[in-house]
Amino acid sequence: GYLNNTFKFKLTPEEIQKISELGKQKHYHGLAVEFMTRFYGN
């Protein structure tokens, strides 16, 4: 589905910007950095 769908359209610059602006209203990050810190030091 990703291959069939993702390359058959493009978002407009305005749509990209709107997602970006809305995204700034929330912060979330996964555990990758915390995992690497715990096991390999920081």
Full PDB file with SEQRES, HELIX, SHEET, SSBOND, CRYST1, ORIGX, SCALE, CONECT and MASTER records, all heavy atoms in Angstrom:
SEQRES   1 A   42  GLY TYR LEU ASN ASN THR PHE LYS PHE LYS LEU THR PRO          
SEQRES   2 A   42  GLU GLU ILE GLN LYS ILE SER GLU LEU GLY LYS GLN LYS          
SEQRES   3 A   42  HIS TYR HIS GLY LEU ALA VAL GLU PHE MET THR ARG PHE          
SEQRES   4 A   42  TYR GLY ASN                                                  
HELIX    1 AA1 TYR A    2  THR A    6  1                                   5    
HELIX    2 AA2 PRO A   13  GLY A   23  1                                  11    
HELIX    3 AA3 ALA A   32  TYR A   40  1                                   9    
CRYST1    1.000    1.000    1.000  90.00  90.00  90.00 P 1           1          
ORIGX1      1.000000  0.000000  0.000000        0.00000                         
ORIGX2      0.000000  1.000000  0.000000        0.00000                         
ORIGX3      0.000000  0.000000  1.000000        0.00000                         
SCALE1      1.000000  0.000000  0.000000        0.00000                         
SCALE2      0.000000  1.000000  0.000000        0.00000                         
SCALE3      0.000000  0.000000  1.000000        0.00000                         
ATOM      1  N   GLY A   1       0.805  -1.211   0.000  1.00  0.00           N  
ATOM      2  CA  GLY A   1       0.000   0.000   0.000  1.00  0.00           C  
ATOM      3  C   GLY A   1       0.839   1.262   0.000  1.00  0.00           C  
ATOM      4  O   GLY A   1       0.540   2.226  -0.724  1.00  0.00           O  
ATOM      5  N   TYR A   2       1.903   1.249   0.808  1.00  0.00           N  
ATOM      6  CA  TYR A   2       2.783   2.420   0.836  1.00  0.00           C  
ATOM      7  C   TYR A   2       3.360   2.694  -0.555  1.00  0.00           C  
ATOM      8  O   TYR A   2       3.376   3.844  -1.015  1.00  0.00           O  
ATOM      9  CB  TYR A   2       3.930   2.214   1.824  1.00  0.00           C  
ATOM     10  CG  TYR A   2       3.523   2.135   3.278  1.00  0.00           C  
ATOM     11  CD1 TYR A   2       4.326   1.475   4.207  1.00  0.00           C  
ATOM     12  CD2 TYR A   2       2.349   2.728   3.743  1.00  0.00           C  
ATOM     13  CE1 TYR A   2       3.967   1.391   5.549  1.00  0.00           C  
ATOM     14  CE2 TYR A   2       1.989   2.655   5.073  1.00  0.00           C  
ATOM     15  CZ  TYR A   2       2.798   1.979   5.977  1.00  0.00           C  
ATOM     16  OH  TYR A   2       2.450   1.889   7.302  1.00  0.00           O  
ATOM     17  N   LEU A   3       3.840   1.656  -1.219  1.00  0.00           N  
ATOM     18  CA  LEU A   3       4.434   1.859  -2.538  1.00  0.00           C  
ATOM     19  C   LEU A   3       3.391   2.261  -3.566  1.00  0.00           C  
ATOM     20  O   LEU A   3       3.646   3.104  -4.431  1.00  0.00           O  
ATOM     21  CB  LEU A   3       5.154   0.590  -2.996  1.00  0.00           C  
ATOM     22  CG  LEU A   3       6.494   0.271  -2.339  1.00  0.00           C  
ATOM     23  CD1 LEU A   3       7.174  -0.867  -3.079  1.00  0.00           C  
ATOM     24  CD2 LEU A   3       7.414   1.481  -2.310  1.00  0.00           C  
ATOM     25  N   ASN A   4       2.214   1.663  -3.482  1.00  0.00           N  
ATOM     26  CA  ASN A   4       1.161   1.974  -4.450  1.00  0.00           C  
ATOM     27  C   ASN A   4       0.597   3.371  -4.262  1.00  0.00           C  
ATOM     28  O   ASN A   4       0.210   4.036  -5.236  1.00  0.00           O  
ATOM     29  CB  ASN A   4       0.023   0.953  -4.350  1.00  0.00           C  
ATOM     30  CG  ASN A   4       0.424  -0.430  -4.826  1.00  0.00           C  
ATOM     31  OD1 ASN A   4       1.343  -0.569  -5.621  1.00  0.00           O  
ATOM     32  ND2 ASN A   4      -0.254  -1.456  -4.332  1.00  0.00           N  
ATOM     33  N   ASN A   5       0.535   3.829  -3.010  1.00  0.00           N  
ATOM     34  CA  ASN A   5      -0.126   5.104  -2.714  1.00  0.00           C  
ATOM     35  C   ASN A   5       0.820   6.293  -2.590  1.00  0.00           C  
ATOM     36  O   ASN A   5       0.539   7.386  -3.090  1.00  0.00           O  
ATOM     37  CB  ASN A   5      -0.927   4.998  -1.415  1.00  0.00           C  
ATOM     38  CG  ASN A   5      -2.119   4.079  -1.528  1.00  0.00           C  
ATOM     39  OD1 ASN A   5      -2.633   3.848  -2.628  1.00  0.00           O  
ATOM     40  ND2 ASN A   5      -2.568   3.540  -0.408  1.00  0.00           N  
ATOM     41  N   THR A   6       1.936   6.080  -1.914  1.00  0.00           N  
ATOM     42  CA  THR A   6       2.763   7.220  -1.503  1.00  0.00           C  
ATOM     43  C   THR A   6       3.328   7.993  -2.683  1.00  0.00           C  
ATOM     44  O   THR A   6       3.559   9.204  -2.571  1.00  0.00           O  
ATOM     45  CB  THR A   6       3.907   6.730  -0.591  1.00  0.00           C  
ATOM     46  OG1 THR A   6       3.343   6.031   0.523  1.00  0.00           O  
ATOM     47  CG2 THR A   6       4.720   7.898  -0.062  1.00  0.00           C  
ATOM     48  N   PHE A   7       3.526   7.335  -3.801  1.00  0.00           N  
ATOM     49  CA  PHE A   7       4.160   8.022  -4.926  1.00  0.00           C  
ATOM     50  C   PHE A   7       3.186   8.392  -6.034  1.00  0.00           C  
ATOM     51  O   PHE A   7       3.597   8.776  -7.124  1.00  0.00           O  
ATOM     52  CB  PHE A   7       5.314   7.162  -5.455  1.00  0.00           C  
ATOM     53  CG  PHE A   7       6.355   6.898  -4.410  1.00  0.00           C  
ATOM     54  CD1 PHE A   7       6.472   5.649  -3.821  1.00  0.00           C  
ATOM     55  CD2 PHE A   7       7.191   7.915  -3.962  1.00  0.00           C  
ATOM     56  CE1 PHE A   7       7.405   5.406  -2.833  1.00  0.00           C  
ATOM     57  CE2 PHE A   7       8.131   7.696  -2.976  1.00  0.00           C  
ATOM     58  CZ  PHE A   7       8.247   6.440  -2.397  1.00  0.00           C  
ATOM     59  N   LYS A   8       1.889   8.308  -5.717  1.00  0.00           N  
ATOM     60  CA  LYS A   8       0.906   8.704  -6.737  1.00  0.00           C  
ATOM     61  C   LYS A   8       0.328  10.094  -6.472  1.00  0.00           C  
ATOM     62  O   LYS A   8      -0.531  10.559  -7.216  1.00  0.00           O  
ATOM     63  CB  LYS A   8      -0.213   7.665  -6.835  1.00  0.00           C  
ATOM     64  CG  LYS A   8      -1.215   7.657  -5.684  1.00  0.00           C  
ATOM     65  CD  LYS A   8      -2.300   6.610  -5.926  1.00  0.00           C  
ATOM     66  CE  LYS A   8      -3.387   6.666  -4.853  1.00  0.00           C  
ATOM     67  NZ  LYS A   8      -4.417   5.631  -5.056  1.00  0.00           N  
ATOM     68  N   PHE A   9       0.795  10.749  -5.422  1.00  0.00           N  
ATOM     69  CA  PHE A   9       0.315  12.098  -5.123  1.00  0.00           C  
ATOM     70  C   PHE A   9       1.423  12.881  -4.425  1.00  0.00           C  
ATOM     71  O   PHE A   9       2.425  12.319  -3.978  1.00  0.00           O  
ATOM     72  CB  PHE A   9      -0.935  12.054  -4.229  1.00  0.00           C  
ATOM     73  CG  PHE A   9      -0.643  11.714  -2.787  1.00  0.00           C  
ATOM     74  CD1 PHE A   9      -0.586  12.706  -1.815  1.00  0.00           C  
ATOM     75  CD2 PHE A   9      -0.417  10.391  -2.386  1.00  0.00           C  
ATOM     76  CE1 PHE A   9      -0.306  12.396  -0.487  1.00  0.00           C  
ATOM     77  CE2 PHE A   9      -0.154  10.069  -1.069  1.00  0.00           C  
ATOM     78  CZ  PHE A   9      -0.093  11.071  -0.113  1.00  0.00           C  
ATOM     79  N   LYS A  10       1.238  14.185  -4.357  1.00  0.00           N  
ATOM     80  CA  LYS A  10       2.141  15.055  -3.605  1.00  0.00           C  
ATOM     81  C   LYS A  10       1.311  16.024  -2.790  1.00  0.00           C  
ATOM     82  O   LYS A  10       0.269  16.503  -3.252  1.00  0.00           O  
ATOM     83  CB  LYS A  10       3.063  15.849  -4.546  1.00  0.00           C  
ATOM     84  CG  LYS A  10       4.157  15.036  -5.210  1.00  0.00           C  
ATOM     85  CD  LYS A  10       5.100  15.954  -5.986  1.00  0.00           C  
ATOM     86  CE  LYS A  10       6.240  15.159  -6.596  1.00  0.00           C  
ATOM     87  NZ  LYS A  10       7.190  16.048  -7.310  1.00  0.00           N  
ATOM     88  N   LEU A  11       1.768  16.315  -1.597  1.00  0.00           N  
ATOM     89  CA  LEU A  11       1.124  17.346  -0.788  1.00  0.00           C  
ATOM     90  C   LEU A  11       1.502  18.716  -1.332  1.00  0.00           C  
ATOM     91  O   LEU A  11       2.611  18.908  -1.849  1.00  0.00           O  
ATOM     92  CB  LEU A  11       1.564  17.232   0.674  1.00  0.00           C  
ATOM     93  CG  LEU A  11       1.183  15.943   1.414  1.00  0.00           C  
ATOM     94  CD1 LEU A  11       1.820  15.928   2.795  1.00  0.00           C  
ATOM     95  CD2 LEU A  11      -0.326  15.803   1.528  1.00  0.00           C  
ATOM     96  N   THR A  12       0.615  19.672  -1.205  1.00  0.00           N  
ATOM     97  CA  THR A  12       0.943  21.039  -1.608  1.00  0.00           C  
ATOM     98  C   THR A  12       1.823  21.673  -0.533  1.00  0.00           C  
ATOM     99  O   THR A  12       1.825  21.231   0.629  1.00  0.00           O  
ATOM    100  CB  THR A  12      -0.318  21.895  -1.773  1.00  0.00           C  
ATOM    101  OG1 THR A  12      -0.924  22.093  -0.486  1.00  0.00           O  
ATOM    102  CG2 THR A  12      -1.323  21.228  -2.706  1.00  0.00           C  
ATOM    103  N   PRO A  13       2.575  22.708  -0.886  1.00  0.00           N  
ATOM    104  CA  PRO A  13       3.377  23.399   0.127  1.00  0.00           C  
ATOM    105  C   PRO A  13       2.535  23.888   1.308  1.00  0.00           C  
ATOM    106  O   PRO A  13       2.983  23.859   2.462  1.00  0.00           O  
ATOM    107  CB  PRO A  13       3.986  24.573  -0.641  1.00  0.00           C  
ATOM    108  CG  PRO A  13       4.054  24.089  -2.060  1.00  0.00           C  
ATOM    109  CD  PRO A  13       2.825  23.237  -2.249  1.00  0.00           C  
ATOM    110  N   GLU A  14       1.302  24.317   1.009  1.00  0.00           N  
ATOM    111  CA  GLU A  14       0.416  24.800   2.066  1.00  0.00           C  
ATOM    112  C   GLU A  14       0.020  23.666   3.014  1.00  0.00           C  
ATOM    113  O   GLU A  14      -0.062  23.859   4.239  1.00  0.00           O  
ATOM    114  CB  GLU A  14      -0.843  25.434   1.456  1.00  0.00           C  
ATOM    115  CG  GLU A  14      -0.597  26.721   0.674  1.00  0.00           C  
ATOM    116  CD  GLU A  14       0.003  26.472  -0.706  1.00  0.00           C  
ATOM    117  OE1 GLU A  14      -0.094  25.330  -1.217  1.00  0.00           O  
ATOM    118  OE2 GLU A  14       0.587  27.430  -1.266  1.00  0.00           O  
ATOM    119  N   GLU A  15      -0.214  22.479   2.463  1.00  0.00           N  
ATOM    120  CA  GLU A  15      -0.583  21.323   3.290  1.00  0.00           C  
ATOM    121  C   GLU A  15       0.587  20.873   4.163  1.00  0.00           C  
ATOM    122  O   GLU A  15       0.413  20.554   5.345  1.00  0.00           O  
ATOM    123  CB  GLU A  15      -1.071  20.179   2.392  1.00  0.00           C  
ATOM    124  CG  GLU A  15      -2.434  20.462   1.770  1.00  0.00           C  
ATOM    125  CD  GLU A  15      -2.771  19.539   0.608  1.00  0.00           C  
ATOM    126  OE1 GLU A  15      -1.873  18.830   0.108  1.00  0.00           O  
ATOM    127  OE2 GLU A  15      -3.945  19.535   0.184  1.00  0.00           O  
ATOM    128  N   ILE A  16       1.777  20.887   3.575  1.00  0.00           N  
ATOM    129  CA  ILE A  16       2.978  20.544   4.348  1.00  0.00           C  
ATOM    130  C   ILE A  16       3.138  21.519   5.515  1.00  0.00           C  
ATOM    131  O   ILE A  16       3.393  21.115   6.657  1.00  0.00           O  
ATOM    132  CB  ILE A  16       4.228  20.588   3.447  1.00  0.00           C  
ATOM    133  CG1 ILE A  16       4.145  19.508   2.369  1.00  0.00           C  
ATOM    134  CG2 ILE A  16       5.501  20.408   4.277  1.00  0.00           C  
ATOM    135  CD1 ILE A  16       5.155  19.690   1.251  1.00  0.00           C  
ATOM    136  N   GLN A  17       2.971  22.809   5.214  1.00  0.00           N  
ATOM    137  CA  GLN A  17       3.138  23.833   6.241  1.00  0.00           C  
ATOM    138  C   GLN A  17       2.080  23.721   7.332  1.00  0.00           C  
ATOM    139  O   GLN A  17       2.383  23.885   8.523  1.00  0.00           O  
ATOM    140  CB  GLN A  17       3.078  25.226   5.593  1.00  0.00           C  
ATOM    141  CG  GLN A  17       3.315  26.386   6.557  1.00  0.00           C  
ATOM    142  CD  GLN A  17       4.711  26.388   7.151  1.00  0.00           C  
ATOM    143  OE1 GLN A  17       5.631  25.840   6.561  1.00  0.00           O  
ATOM    144  NE2 GLN A  17       4.859  26.984   8.337  1.00  0.00           N  
ATOM    145  N   LYS A  18       0.860  23.410   6.951  1.00  0.00           N  
ATOM    146  CA  LYS A  18      -0.215  23.302   7.943  1.00  0.00           C  
ATOM    147  C   LYS A  18       0.059  22.146   8.903  1.00  0.00           C  
ATOM    148  O   LYS A  18      -0.127  22.280  10.121  1.00  0.00           O  
ATOM    149  CB  LYS A  18      -1.567  23.110   7.248  1.00  0.00           C  
ATOM    150  CG  LYS A  18      -2.747  23.155   8.220  1.00  0.00           C  
ATOM    151  CD  LYS A  18      -4.077  23.164   7.497  1.00  0.00           C  
ATOM    152  CE  LYS A  18      -5.233  23.269   8.495  1.00  0.00           C  
ATOM    153  NZ  LYS A  18      -6.548  23.250   7.816  1.00  0.00           N  
ATOM    154  N   ILE A  19       0.492  21.002   8.368  1.00  0.00           N  
ATOM    155  CA  ILE A  19       0.835  19.873   9.239  1.00  0.00           C  
ATOM    156  C   ILE A  19       1.969  20.271  10.181  1.00  0.00           C  
ATOM    157  O   ILE A  19       1.937  19.974  11.385  1.00  0.00           O  
ATOM    158  CB  ILE A  19       1.241  18.640   8.397  1.00  0.00           C  
ATOM    159  CG1 ILE A  19       0.033  18.101   7.629  1.00  0.00           C  
ATOM    160  CG2 ILE A  19       1.836  17.545   9.282  1.00  0.00           C  
ATOM    161  CD1 ILE A  19       0.389  17.024   6.610  1.00  0.00           C  
ATOM    162  N   SER A  20       2.964  20.975   9.633  1.00  0.00           N  
ATOM    163  CA  SER A  20       4.103  21.408  10.450  1.00  0.00           C  
ATOM    164  C   SER A  20       3.662  22.321  11.585  1.00  0.00           C  
ATOM    165  O   SER A  20       4.085  22.152  12.733  1.00  0.00           O  
ATOM    166  CB  SER A  20       5.140  22.123   9.578  1.00  0.00           C  
ATOM    167  OG  SER A  20       5.634  21.273   8.563  1.00  0.00           O  
ATOM    168  N   GLU A  21       2.818  23.286  11.269  1.00  0.00           N  
ATOM    169  CA  GLU A  21       2.378  24.247  12.284  1.00  0.00           C  
ATOM    170  C   GLU A  21       1.526  23.570  13.358  1.00  0.00           C  
ATOM    171  O   GLU A  21       1.690  23.834  14.557  1.00  0.00           O  
ATOM    172  CB  GLU A  21       1.604  25.392  11.624  1.00  0.00           C  
ATOM    173  CG  GLU A  21       2.472  26.319  10.798  1.00  0.00           C  
ATOM    174  CD  GLU A  21       3.619  26.922  11.592  1.00  0.00           C  
ATOM    175  OE1 GLU A  21       3.387  27.343  12.751  1.00  0.00           O  
ATOM    176  OE2 GLU A  21       4.755  26.949  11.071  1.00  0.00           O  
ATOM    177  N   LEU A  22       0.615  22.699  12.937  1.00  0.00           N  
ATOM    178  CA  LEU A  22      -0.213  21.987  13.905  1.00  0.00           C  
ATOM    179  C   LEU A  22       0.649  21.068  14.778  1.00  0.00           C  
ATOM    180  O   LEU A  22       0.417  20.932  15.984  1.00  0.00           O  
ATOM    181  CB  LEU A  22      -1.286  21.166  13.185  1.00  0.00           C  
ATOM    182  CG  LEU A  22      -2.413  21.956  12.547  1.00  0.00           C  
ATOM    183  CD1 LEU A  22      -3.241  21.060  11.640  1.00  0.00           C  
ATOM    184  CD2 LEU A  22      -3.304  22.591  13.622  1.00  0.00           C  
ATOM    185  N   GLY A  23       1.661  20.467  14.160  1.00  0.00           N  
ATOM    186  CA  GLY A  23       2.528  19.562  14.902  1.00  0.00           C  
ATOM    187  C   GLY A  23       3.275  20.238  16.029  1.00  0.00           C  
ATOM    188  O   GLY A  23       3.585  19.612  17.057  1.00  0.00           O  
ATOM    189  N   LYS A  24       3.563  21.513  15.876  1.00  0.00           N  
ATOM    190  CA  LYS A  24       4.307  22.256  16.899  1.00  0.00           C  
ATOM    191  C   LYS A  24       3.510  22.447  18.183  1.00  0.00           C  
ATOM    192  O   LYS A  24       4.061  22.859  19.207  1.00  0.00           O  
ATOM    193  CB  LYS A  24       4.755  23.607  16.341  1.00  0.00           C  
ATOM    194  CG  LYS A  24       5.810  23.483  15.253  1.00  0.00           C  
ATOM    195  CD  LYS A  24       6.134  24.830  14.626  1.00  0.00           C  
ATOM    196  CE  LYS A  24       7.118  24.672  13.471  1.00  0.00           C  
ATOM    197  NZ  LYS A  24       7.388  25.956  12.776  1.00  0.00           N  
ATOM    198  N   GLN A  25       2.217  22.126  18.135  1.00  0.00           N  
ATOM    199  CA  GLN A  25       1.385  22.268  19.331  1.00  0.00           C  
ATOM    200  C   GLN A  25       1.569  21.114  20.316  1.00  0.00           C  
ATOM    201  O   GLN A  25       1.053  21.151  21.436  1.00  0.00           O  
ATOM    202  CB  GLN A  25      -0.090  22.350  18.925  1.00  0.00           C  
ATOM    203  CG  GLN A  25      -0.429  23.557  18.059  1.00  0.00           C  
ATOM    204  CD  GLN A  25      -1.865  23.535  17.578  1.00  0.00           C  
ATOM    205  OE1 GLN A  25      -2.719  22.816  18.121  1.00  0.00           O  
ATOM    206  NE2 GLN A  25      -2.158  24.327  16.559  1.00  0.00           N  
ATOM    207  N   LYS A  26       2.284  20.083  19.904  1.00  0.00           N  
ATOM    208  CA  LYS A  26       2.488  18.920  20.773  1.00  0.00           C  
ATOM    209  C   LYS A  26       3.920  18.440  20.633  1.00  0.00           C  
ATOM    210  O   LYS A  26       4.525  18.550  19.559  1.00  0.00           O  
ATOM    211  CB  LYS A  26       1.521  17.784  20.382  1.00  0.00           C  
ATOM    212  CG  LYS A  26       1.670  16.522  21.232  1.00  0.00           C  
ATOM    213  CD  LYS A  26       0.543  15.516  20.956  1.00  0.00           C  
ATOM    214  CE  LYS A  26       0.727  14.274  21.816  1.00  0.00           C  
ATOM    215  NZ  LYS A  26      -0.464  13.389  21.790  1.00  0.00           N  
ATOM    216  N   HIS A  27       4.465  17.894  21.723  1.00  0.00           N  
ATOM    217  CA  HIS A  27       5.814  17.324  21.676  1.00  0.00           C  
ATOM    218  C   HIS A  27       5.757  15.853  22.063  1.00  0.00           C  
ATOM    219  O   HIS A  27       5.158  15.495  23.074  1.00  0.00           O  
ATOM    220  CB  HIS A  27       6.758  18.063  22.629  1.00  0.00           C  
ATOM    221  CG  HIS A  27       8.151  17.508  22.633  1.00  0.00           C  
ATOM    222  ND1 HIS A  27       9.063  17.802  21.649  1.00  0.00           N  
ATOM    223  CD2 HIS A  27       8.784  16.667  23.502  1.00  0.00           C  
ATOM    224  CE1 HIS A  27      10.200  17.166  21.900  1.00  0.00           C  
ATOM    225  NE2 HIS A  27      10.055  16.464  23.014  1.00  0.00           N  
ATOM    226  N   TYR A  28       6.377  15.032  21.224  1.00  0.00           N  
ATOM    227  CA  TYR A  28       6.475  13.601  21.532  1.00  0.00           C  
ATOM    228  C   TYR A  28       7.777  13.078  20.968  1.00  0.00           C  
ATOM    229  O   TYR A  28       8.146  13.388  19.830  1.00  0.00           O  
ATOM    230  CB  TYR A  28       5.315  12.817  20.900  1.00  0.00           C  
ATOM    231  CG  TYR A  28       5.515  11.318  21.029  1.00  0.00           C  
ATOM    232  CD1 TYR A  28       5.111  10.638  22.181  1.00  0.00           C  
ATOM    233  CD2 TYR A  28       6.154  10.581  20.029  1.00  0.00           C  
ATOM    234  CE1 TYR A  28       5.332   9.275  22.324  1.00  0.00           C  
ATOM    235  CE2 TYR A  28       6.372   9.220  20.165  1.00  0.00           C  
ATOM    236  CZ  TYR A  28       5.962   8.574  21.310  1.00  0.00           C  
ATOM    237  OH  TYR A  28       6.197   7.225  21.454  1.00  0.00           O  
ATOM    238  N   HIS A  29       8.495  12.305  21.763  1.00  0.00           N  
ATOM    239  CA  HIS A  29       9.643  11.599  21.199  1.00  0.00           C  
ATOM    240  C   HIS A  29       9.694  10.199  21.759  1.00  0.00           C  
ATOM    241  O   HIS A  29       9.294   9.938  22.900  1.00  0.00           O  
ATOM    242  CB  HIS A  29      10.959  12.350  21.447  1.00  0.00           C  
ATOM    243  CG  HIS A  29      11.413  12.376  22.875  1.00  0.00           C  
ATOM    244  ND1 HIS A  29      12.173  11.371  23.432  1.00  0.00           N  
ATOM    245  CD2 HIS A  29      11.230  13.281  23.848  1.00  0.00           C  
ATOM    246  CE1 HIS A  29      12.434  11.654  24.696  1.00  0.00           C  
ATOM    247  NE2 HIS A  29      11.867  12.799  24.984  1.00  0.00           N  
ATOM    248  N   GLY A  30      10.174   9.289  20.930  1.00  0.00           N  
ATOM    249  CA  GLY A  30      10.273   7.888  21.322  1.00  0.00           C  
ATOM    250  C   GLY A  30      11.444   7.650  22.262  1.00  0.00           C  
ATOM    251  O   GLY A  30      12.039   8.584  22.793  1.00  0.00           O  
ATOM    252  N   LEU A  31      11.800   6.393  22.416  1.00  0.00           N  
ATOM    253  CA  LEU A  31      12.778   6.014  23.432  1.00  0.00           C  
ATOM    254  C   LEU A  31      14.162   5.713  22.874  1.00  0.00           C  
ATOM    255  O   LEU A  31      15.026   5.217  23.609  1.00  0.00           O  
ATOM    256  CB  LEU A  31      12.261   4.789  24.196  1.00  0.00           C  
ATOM    257  CG  LEU A  31      10.940   4.983  24.953  1.00  0.00           C  
ATOM    258  CD1 LEU A  31      10.489   3.652  25.557  1.00  0.00           C  
ATOM    259  CD2 LEU A  31      11.080   6.042  26.028  1.00  0.00           C  
ATOM    260  N   ALA A  32      14.389   6.011  21.602  1.00  0.00           N  
ATOM    261  CA  ALA A  32      15.657   5.624  20.976  1.00  0.00           C  
ATOM    262  C   ALA A  32      16.862   6.213  21.703  1.00  0.00           C  
ATOM    263  O   ALA A  32      17.810   5.487  22.030  1.00  0.00           O  
ATOM    264  CB  ALA A  32      15.661   6.049  19.507  1.00  0.00           C  
ATOM    265  N   VAL A  33      16.840   7.513  21.941  1.00  0.00           N  
ATOM    266  CA  VAL A  33      17.991   8.163  22.587  1.00  0.00           C  
ATOM    267  C   VAL A  33      18.157   7.673  24.017  1.00  0.00           C  
ATOM    268  O   VAL A  33      19.276   7.412  24.480  1.00  0.00           O  
ATOM    269  CB  VAL A  33      17.847   9.698  22.538  1.00  0.00           C  
ATOM    270  CG1 VAL A  33      18.882  10.366  23.427  1.00  0.00           C  
ATOM    271  CG2 VAL A  33      17.987  10.191  21.093  1.00  0.00           C  
ATOM    272  N   GLU A  34      17.042   7.509  24.722  1.00  0.00           N  
ATOM    273  CA  GLU A  34      17.110   7.020  26.104  1.00  0.00           C  
ATOM    274  C   GLU A  34      17.674   5.597  26.141  1.00  0.00           C  
ATOM    275  O   GLU A  34      18.473   5.258  27.016  1.00  0.00           O  
ATOM    276  CB  GLU A  34      15.721   7.050  26.748  1.00  0.00           C  
ATOM    277  CG  GLU A  34      15.232   8.442  27.108  1.00  0.00           C  
ATOM    278  CD  GLU A  34      14.620   9.187  25.927  1.00  0.00           C  
ATOM    279  OE1 GLU A  34      14.702   8.672  24.784  1.00  0.00           O  
ATOM    280  OE2 GLU A  34      14.082  10.281  26.147  1.00  0.00           O  
ATOM    281  N   PHE A  35      17.265   4.780  25.180  1.00  0.00           N  
ATOM    282  CA  PHE A  35      17.768   3.403  25.106  1.00  0.00           C  
ATOM    283  C   PHE A  35      19.281   3.395  24.887  1.00  0.00           C  
ATOM    284  O   PHE A  35      20.022   2.685  25.579  1.00  0.00           O  
ATOM    285  CB  PHE A  35      17.071   2.637  23.978  1.00  0.00           C  
ATOM    286  CG  PHE A  35      17.670   1.282  23.714  1.00  0.00           C  
ATOM    287  CD1 PHE A  35      17.266   0.173  24.447  1.00  0.00           C  
ATOM    288  CD2 PHE A  35      18.655   1.118  22.736  1.00  0.00           C  
ATOM    289  CE1 PHE A  35      17.832  -1.081  24.211  1.00  0.00           C  
ATOM    290  CE2 PHE A  35      19.218  -0.127  22.497  1.00  0.00           C  
ATOM    291  CZ  PHE A  35      18.809  -1.231  23.242  1.00  0.00           C  
ATOM    292  N   MET A  36      19.740   4.164  23.907  1.00  0.00           N  
ATOM    293  CA  MET A  36      21.171   4.192  23.603  1.00  0.00           C  
ATOM    294  C   MET A  36      21.971   4.756  24.773  1.00  0.00           C  
ATOM    295  O   MET A  36      23.077   4.294  25.062  1.00  0.00           O  
ATOM    296  CB  MET A  36      21.417   4.999  22.326  1.00  0.00           C  
ATOM    297  CG  MET A  36      20.763   4.419  21.075  1.00  0.00           C  
ATOM    298  SD  MET A  36      21.361   2.774  20.608  1.00  0.00           S  
ATOM    299  CE  MET A  36      22.945   3.193  19.874  1.00  0.00           C  
ATOM    300  N   THR A  37      21.402   5.737  25.460  1.00  0.00           N  
ATOM    301  CA  THR A  37      22.066   6.301  26.638  1.00  0.00           C  
ATOM    302  C   THR A  37      22.217   5.254  27.728  1.00  0.00           C  
ATOM    303  O   THR A  37      23.289   5.092  28.329  1.00  0.00           O  
ATOM    304  CB  THR A  37      21.251   7.500  27.172  1.00  0.00           C  
ATOM    305  OG1 THR A  37      21.309   8.563  26.218  1.00  0.00           O  
ATOM    306  CG2 THR A  37      21.802   7.992  28.503  1.00  0.00           C  
ATOM    307  N   ARG A  38      21.154   4.536  27.975  1.00  0.00           N  
ATOM    308  CA  ARG A  38      21.155   3.536  29.053  1.00  0.00           C  
ATOM    309  C   ARG A  38      22.169   2.427  28.802  1.00  0.00           C  
ATOM    310  O   ARG A  38      22.881   1.998  29.719  1.00  0.00           O  
ATOM    311  CB  ARG A  38      19.758   2.942  29.183  1.00  0.00           C  
ATOM    312  CG  ARG A  38      19.648   1.839  30.238  1.00  0.00           C  
ATOM    313  CD  ARG A  38      18.232   1.277  30.265  1.00  0.00           C  
ATOM    314  NE  ARG A  38      18.137   0.122  31.141  1.00  0.00           N  
ATOM    315  CZ  ARG A  38      17.070  -0.664  31.227  1.00  0.00           C  
ATOM    316  NH1 ARG A  38      16.007  -0.392  30.487  1.00  0.00           N  
ATOM    317  NH2 ARG A  38      17.059  -1.700  32.035  1.00  0.00           N  
ATOM    318  N   PHE A  39      22.263   1.968  27.563  1.00  0.00           N  
ATOM    319  CA  PHE A  39      23.107   0.807  27.273  1.00  0.00           C  
ATOM    320  C   PHE A  39      24.537   1.165  26.872  1.00  0.00           C  
ATOM    321  O   PHE A  39      25.440   0.339  27.020  1.00  0.00           O  
ATOM    322  CB  PHE A  39      22.459  -0.048  26.181  1.00  0.00           C  
ATOM    323  CG  PHE A  39      21.335  -0.900  26.694  1.00  0.00           C  
ATOM    324  CD1 PHE A  39      20.028  -0.432  26.689  1.00  0.00           C  
ATOM    325  CD2 PHE A  39      21.581  -2.162  27.214  1.00  0.00           C  
ATOM    326  CE1 PHE A  39      18.989  -1.216  27.176  1.00  0.00           C  
ATOM    327  CE2 PHE A  39      20.548  -2.950  27.711  1.00  0.00           C  
ATOM    328  CZ  PHE A  39      19.252  -2.475  27.694  1.00  0.00           C  
ATOM    329  N   TYR A  40      24.739   2.389  26.365  1.00  0.00           N  
ATOM    330  CA  TYR A  40      26.060   2.724  25.845  1.00  0.00           C  
ATOM    331  C   TYR A  40      26.678   3.980  26.452  1.00  0.00           C  
ATOM    332  O   TYR A  40      27.801   4.333  26.110  1.00  0.00           O  
ATOM    333  CB  TYR A  40      25.996   2.873  24.315  1.00  0.00           C  
ATOM    334  CG  TYR A  40      25.518   1.622  23.631  1.00  0.00           C  
ATOM    335  CD1 TYR A  40      24.239   1.549  23.076  1.00  0.00           C  
ATOM    336  CD2 TYR A  40      26.330   0.488  23.535  1.00  0.00           C  
ATOM    337  CE1 TYR A  40      23.788   0.393  22.443  1.00  0.00           C  
ATOM    338  CE2 TYR A  40      25.891  -0.671  22.917  1.00  0.00           C  
ATOM    339  CZ  TYR A  40      24.620  -0.715  22.372  1.00  0.00           C  
ATOM    340  OH  TYR A  40      24.184  -1.852  21.753  1.00  0.00           O  
ATOM    341  N   GLY A  41      25.948   4.645  27.355  1.00  0.00           N  
ATOM    342  CA  GLY A  41      26.483   5.834  27.995  1.00  0.00           C  
ATOM    343  C   GLY A  41      26.226   7.094  27.188  1.00  0.00           C  
ATOM    344  O   GLY A  41      25.949   7.051  25.985  1.00  0.00           O  
ATOM    345  N   ASN A  42      26.326   8.244  27.888  1.00  0.00           N  
ATOM    346  CA  ASN A  42      26.068   9.538  27.243  1.00  0.00           C  
ATOM    347  C   ASN A  42      26.899  10.592  27.962  1.00  0.00           C  
ATOM    348  O   ASN A  42      26.563  11.018  29.063  1.00  0.00           O  
ATOM    349  CB  ASN A  42      24.577   9.870  27.324  1.00  0.00           C  
ATOM    350  CG  ASN A  42      24.195  11.110  26.554  1.00  0.00           C  
ATOM    351  OD1 ASN A  42      25.007  12.022  26.390  1.00  0.00           O  
ATOM    352  ND2 ASN A  42      22.959  11.167  26.093  1.00  0.00           N  
TER     353      ASN A  42                                                      
MASTER        0    0    0    3    0    0    0    6  352    1    0    4          
END                                                                             
